[in-house]
């Protein structure tokens, strides 16, 4: 029996979030069923975070204990052969027995992606949010600066599971414009229920001129959710990376015919 951690990417539009729920298809269920199909026994999988319905992941981390003769590389390829098309295990490694993906996580990094075209994009609408309005990027950046640091984020979170505290620390919040898109990268030591999507919705209201960036400190102090912007659509949100104190997934994974994209 060994402890294994795996990095997962998935199309969140195919699932009702990460957590297993009776009567609904979840990512956790998909991974556990793939492992059971592969190994013949039920394996409980612990995810680093409970992404909501429709939210995507590029770097979700999960851990589980398993008994198998397959080495890490073979187990990775075998697991992918049993996973549904909307989920991919991008890396896998045996780790210390005490490691648990959720408990040991010290932070997360998310991306929120808008398409800023004049007309609705015909492709990829499951993987972004569309905003055709002109946006004032300097005002959005001014508002974002007020959110960096340690605050009570009750104003920017929807009611969810009970928490001992709504204080969280945002370590970085950047807005990255491209020709027809706008990305928001946010990193922190933890996030409340729908907090990242509410940050995105609030910054969008600032960009549209409906909310002054200088009222953000007042909004935070009020702890009143009704004063912040709307919750942005789940389709634009990606869990990009889970941060740990120890180094994870540092090795190189080779395919059956070598490393893809590298030519001899």
Protein backbone atom coordinates (compact mmCIF):
# COMPACT_ATOMS: atom_id res chain seq x y z
CA UNK A 1 0.00 0.00 0.00
CA UNK A 2 1.48 3.34 -1.02
CA UNK A 3 0.34 6.95 -1.06
CA UNK A 4 0.01 8.50 -4.51
CA UNK A 5 -0.70 12.04 -5.63
CA UNK A 6 -1.94 12.95 -9.07
CA UNK A 7 -2.35 16.19 -10.99
CA UNK A 8 -5.62 16.46 -12.92
CA UNK A 9 -7.03 18.66 -15.65
CA UNK A 10 -10.73 18.59 -16.48
CA UNK A 11 -13.55 20.23 -18.37
CA UNK A 12 -15.80 21.40 -15.55
CA UNK A 13 -18.82 21.84 -17.82
CA UNK A 14 -19.18 18.04 -17.84
CA UNK A 15 -19.46 17.76 -14.05
CA UNK A 16 -21.41 18.99 -11.04
CA UNK A 17 -18.21 20.04 -9.31
CA UNK A 18 -15.42 18.02 -7.73
CA UNK A 19 -17.16 16.46 -4.75
CA UNK A 20 -19.06 13.17 -5.08
CA UNK A 21 -22.82 13.76 -4.86
CA UNK A 22 -25.63 11.22 -5.02
CA UNK A 23 -27.37 11.44 -8.39
CA UNK A 24 -24.90 13.89 -9.95
CA UNK A 25 -21.74 13.28 -11.97
CA UNK A 26 -18.64 14.64 -10.20
CA UNK A 27 -14.91 14.63 -10.93
CA UNK A 28 -14.16 12.76 -7.70
CA UNK A 29 -16.60 10.04 -8.73
CA UNK A 30 -15.04 9.80 -12.20
CA UNK A 31 -11.53 9.34 -10.77
CA UNK A 32 -12.65 6.84 -8.12
CA UNK A 33 -14.58 4.79 -10.67
CA UNK A 34 -11.59 4.79 -13.02
CA UNK A 35 -9.35 3.49 -10.23
CA UNK A 36 -11.90 0.84 -9.27
CA UNK A 37 -12.19 -0.29 -12.88
CA UNK A 38 -8.40 -0.48 -13.12
CA UNK A 39 -7.60 -2.10 -9.75
CA UNK A 40 -10.79 -3.95 -8.85
CA UNK A 41 -11.20 -2.25 -5.45
CA UNK A 42 -12.75 1.02 -4.30
CA UNK A 43 -10.21 3.78 -3.70
CA UNK A 44 -11.13 7.01 -1.87
CA UNK A 45 -9.64 10.05 -3.58
CA UNK A 46 -9.02 13.31 -1.69
CA UNK A 47 -8.96 16.47 -3.83
CA UNK A 48 -7.09 19.65 -2.88
CA UNK A 49 -10.19 21.77 -3.47
CA UNK A 50 -13.89 21.42 -4.21
CA UNK A 51 -14.32 23.17 -7.54
CA UNK A 52 -17.97 24.11 -8.21
CA UNK A 53 -20.26 23.01 -11.02
CA UNK A 54 -18.86 24.19 -14.36
CA UNK A 55 -15.45 25.27 -12.97
CA UNK A 56 -12.44 23.89 -14.85
CA UNK A 57 -9.02 22.74 -13.66
CA UNK A 58 -5.57 22.69 -15.19
CA UNK A 59 -3.75 21.70 -12.00
CA UNK A 60 -6.08 20.09 -9.48
CA UNK A 61 -4.17 17.80 -7.11
CA UNK A 62 -5.62 14.67 -5.52
CA UNK A 63 -4.16 11.92 -3.35
CA UNK A 64 -5.10 8.33 -2.53
CA UNK A 65 -3.67 5.15 -1.02
CA UNK A 66 -3.42 2.24 -3.41
CA UNK A 67 -1.93 -1.25 -3.58
CA UNK A 68 -0.58 -2.12 -7.02
CA UNK A 69 2.54 -3.50 -8.68
CA UNK A 70 2.36 -0.82 -11.39
CA UNK A 71 5.10 1.79 -11.13
CA UNK A 72 4.15 5.47 -11.23
CA UNK A 73 4.54 5.87 -14.99
CA UNK A 74 2.51 2.76 -15.81
CA UNK A 75 -0.16 3.69 -13.27
CA UNK A 76 -0.48 7.16 -14.85
CA UNK A 77 -1.04 5.76 -18.34
CA UNK A 78 -3.37 3.03 -17.06
CA UNK A 79 -5.46 5.55 -15.11
CA UNK A 80 -5.85 7.77 -18.18
CA UNK A 81 -7.06 4.76 -20.16
CA UNK A 82 -9.97 4.40 -17.69
CA UNK A 83 -10.84 8.07 -17.18
CA UNK A 84 -13.66 9.73 -19.17
CA UNK A 85 -12.64 12.09 -21.98
CA UNK A 86 -13.30 15.22 -19.90
CA UNK A 87 -10.64 14.30 -17.29
CA UNK A 88 -6.90 13.83 -17.80
CA UNK A 89 -4.25 12.84 -15.26
CA UNK A 90 -1.26 14.90 -16.34
CA UNK A 91 1.21 13.67 -13.71
CA UNK A 92 1.41 11.10 -10.92
CA UNK A 93 3.96 10.18 -8.27
CA UNK A 94 4.33 8.19 -5.07
CA UNK A 95 4.70 10.51 -2.06
CA UNK A 96 5.14 10.37 1.70
CA UNK A 97 2.50 8.38 3.53
CA UNK A 98 1.32 11.41 5.53
CA UNK A 99 0.62 13.61 2.48
CA UNK A 100 -3.03 14.54 1.93
CA UNK A 101 -3.88 16.80 -1.00
CA UNK A 102 -6.37 19.03 0.82
CA UNK A 103 -4.86 19.22 4.30
CA UNK A 104 -1.32 19.95 3.09
CA UNK A 105 -2.27 22.61 0.52
CA UNK A 106 -0.87 26.03 1.51
CA UNK A 107 -2.41 28.02 -1.32
CA UNK A 108 -4.05 28.02 -4.73
CA UNK A 109 -3.79 29.96 -7.97
CA UNK A 110 -6.81 30.61 -10.20
CA UNK A 111 -7.37 32.09 -13.64
CA UNK A 112 -10.56 33.85 -14.67
CA UNK A 113 -10.87 34.29 -18.43
CA UNK A 114 -13.09 36.73 -20.34
CA UNK A 115 -13.48 37.00 -24.09
CA UNK A 116 -13.80 40.69 -24.97
CA UNK A 117 -14.93 40.45 -28.59
CA UNK A 118 -17.66 42.70 -29.97
CA UNK A 119 -19.85 39.72 -30.85
CA UNK A 120 -20.44 36.47 -28.99
CA UNK A 121 -17.62 33.99 -29.75
CA UNK A 122 -18.91 30.99 -31.73
CA UNK A 123 -16.40 28.59 -30.14
CA UNK A 124 -15.26 27.93 -26.63
CA UNK A 125 -18.15 29.53 -24.76
CA UNK A 126 -17.97 26.69 -22.21
CA UNK A 127 -14.43 27.77 -21.38
CA UNK A 128 -14.72 31.53 -20.91
CA UNK A 129 -17.12 34.33 -20.03
CA UNK A 130 -18.03 36.88 -22.70
CA UNK A 131 -18.10 40.61 -22.03
CA UNK A 132 -18.60 42.92 -25.06
CA UNK A 133 -18.57 46.16 -23.00
CA UNK A 134 -15.61 48.56 -23.08
CA UNK A 135 -13.61 48.18 -19.88
CA UNK A 136 -11.39 50.67 -18.02
CA UNK A 137 -8.34 48.51 -17.21
CA UNK A 138 -6.51 51.10 -15.01
CA UNK A 139 -9.61 51.39 -12.79
CA UNK A 140 -9.86 47.61 -12.53
CA UNK A 141 -6.21 47.39 -11.54
CA UNK A 142 -6.71 50.09 -8.90
CA UNK A 143 -9.59 48.13 -7.43
CA UNK A 144 -7.60 44.90 -7.54
CA UNK A 145 -4.76 46.48 -5.54
CA UNK A 146 -7.16 47.02 -2.62
CA UNK A 147 -7.85 43.26 -2.46
CA UNK A 148 -4.23 42.16 -2.08
CA UNK A 149 -3.31 41.32 1.51
CA UNK A 150 -5.17 39.82 4.45
CA UNK A 151 -8.84 40.79 4.75
CA UNK A 152 -12.21 39.53 5.88
CA UNK A 153 -13.70 38.54 2.50
CA UNK A 154 -17.30 37.99 3.66
CA UNK A 155 -18.42 40.68 1.17
CA UNK A 156 -16.91 38.76 -1.74
CA UNK A 157 -18.21 35.27 -0.98
CA UNK A 158 -21.56 33.54 -1.27
CA UNK A 159 -23.08 31.64 1.61
CA UNK A 160 -21.65 28.12 1.69
CA UNK A 161 -20.33 25.60 4.17
CA UNK A 162 -19.66 27.03 7.67
CA UNK A 163 -16.18 28.45 8.27
CA UNK A 164 -14.37 29.35 11.46
CA UNK A 165 -13.14 32.53 9.80
CA UNK A 166 -13.68 34.42 6.54
CA UNK A 167 -10.24 36.02 6.73
CA UNK A 168 -8.00 35.06 3.83
CA UNK A 169 -4.76 36.38 2.34
CA UNK A 170 -4.49 37.24 -1.36
CA UNK A 171 -0.82 37.25 -2.31
CA UNK A 172 -1.19 38.36 -5.93
CA UNK A 173 -3.94 39.64 -8.23
CA UNK A 174 -3.06 40.55 -11.81
CA UNK A 175 -5.10 41.55 -14.85
CA UNK A 176 -3.57 40.51 -18.18
CA UNK A 177 -5.13 41.99 -21.34
CA UNK A 178 -4.77 40.40 -24.76
CA UNK A 179 -6.18 41.48 -28.11
CA UNK A 180 -9.58 39.82 -27.64
CA UNK A 181 -9.44 38.53 -24.09
CA UNK A 182 -8.74 39.53 -20.50
CA UNK A 183 -7.34 37.23 -17.85
CA UNK A 184 -7.37 37.65 -14.08
CA UNK A 185 -4.76 35.67 -12.13
CA UNK A 186 -5.33 35.48 -8.37
CA UNK A 187 -3.29 33.59 -5.79
CA UNK A 188 -3.89 33.21 -2.09
CA UNK A 189 -3.70 30.98 0.95
CA UNK A 190 -7.34 29.97 0.57
CA UNK A 191 -10.63 31.05 -0.96
CA UNK A 192 -14.22 31.15 0.27
CA UNK A 193 -17.22 29.70 -1.59
CA UNK A 194 -17.45 31.47 -5.00
CA UNK A 195 -15.00 34.12 -3.80
CA UNK A 196 -12.89 34.20 -6.99
CA UNK A 197 -15.98 34.50 -9.19
CA UNK A 198 -17.31 37.34 -7.02
CA UNK A 199 -13.97 39.13 -7.24
CA UNK A 200 -14.18 38.77 -11.03
CA UNK A 201 -17.75 40.09 -11.09
CA UNK A 202 -16.86 43.04 -8.85
CA UNK A 203 -13.81 44.04 -10.90
CA UNK A 204 -15.95 43.83 -14.02
CA UNK A 205 -18.43 46.31 -12.49
CA UNK A 206 -15.49 48.64 -11.82
CA UNK A 207 -14.29 48.27 -15.41
CA UNK A 208 -17.76 49.13 -16.70
CA UNK A 209 -17.83 52.30 -14.60
CA UNK A 210 -20.65 51.06 -12.34
CA UNK A 211 -18.50 50.90 -9.23
CA UNK A 212 -15.67 53.14 -8.05
CA UNK A 213 -12.39 51.35 -7.29
CA UNK A 214 -11.93 53.52 -4.23
CA UNK A 215 -14.99 52.06 -2.47
CA UNK A 216 -13.48 48.55 -2.36
CA UNK A 217 -11.98 48.99 1.15
CA UNK A 218 -15.39 50.18 2.36
CA UNK A 219 -17.08 47.17 0.74
CA UNK A 220 -14.69 44.79 2.48
CA UNK A 221 -15.26 46.46 5.84
CA UNK A 222 -19.05 46.25 5.45
CA UNK A 223 -19.13 42.42 5.24
CA UNK A 224 -22.27 42.90 3.12
CA UNK A 225 -22.42 40.61 0.06
CA UNK A 226 -25.19 42.70 -1.55
CA UNK A 227 -22.80 45.64 -2.02
CA UNK A 228 -20.34 43.72 -4.21
CA UNK A 229 -20.68 42.80 -7.87
CA UNK A 230 -22.46 39.72 -9.23
CA UNK A 231 -20.96 36.24 -9.21
CA UNK A 232 -19.23 35.75 -12.57
CA UNK A 233 -20.12 32.64 -14.63
CA UNK A 234 -18.38 29.39 -13.73
CA UNK A 235 -17.33 28.86 -17.36
CA UNK A 236 -14.49 31.39 -17.06
CA UNK A 237 -12.85 29.98 -13.94
CA UNK A 238 -9.84 27.62 -13.85
CA UNK A 239 -7.94 26.13 -10.92
CA UNK A 240 -4.42 26.55 -12.27
CA UNK A 241 -2.18 25.34 -9.46
CA UNK A 242 -2.22 24.05 -5.90
CA UNK A 243 0.75 25.15 -3.78
CA UNK A 244 2.53 22.96 -1.23
CA UNK A 245 5.54 23.39 1.04
CA UNK A 246 7.23 20.40 -0.61
CA UNK A 247 8.16 20.10 -4.29
CA UNK A 248 5.67 18.08 -6.31
CA UNK A 249 5.79 16.54 -9.79
CA UNK A 250 9.40 17.44 -10.53
CA UNK A 251 10.19 14.39 -12.65
CA UNK A 252 9.77 14.07 -16.42
CA UNK A 253 7.04 11.76 -17.72
CA UNK A 254 7.84 9.87 -20.92
CA UNK A 255 5.35 8.30 -23.27
CA UNK A 256 5.64 4.89 -24.98
CA UNK A 257 7.76 6.45 -27.72
CA UNK A 258 9.64 9.04 -25.70
CA UNK A 259 8.81 12.58 -24.69
CA UNK A 260 6.20 14.30 -26.93
CA UNK A 261 7.48 17.28 -28.85
CA UNK A 262 11.17 16.44 -28.42
CA UNK A 263 12.96 15.34 -31.57
CA UNK A 264 16.20 13.42 -31.74
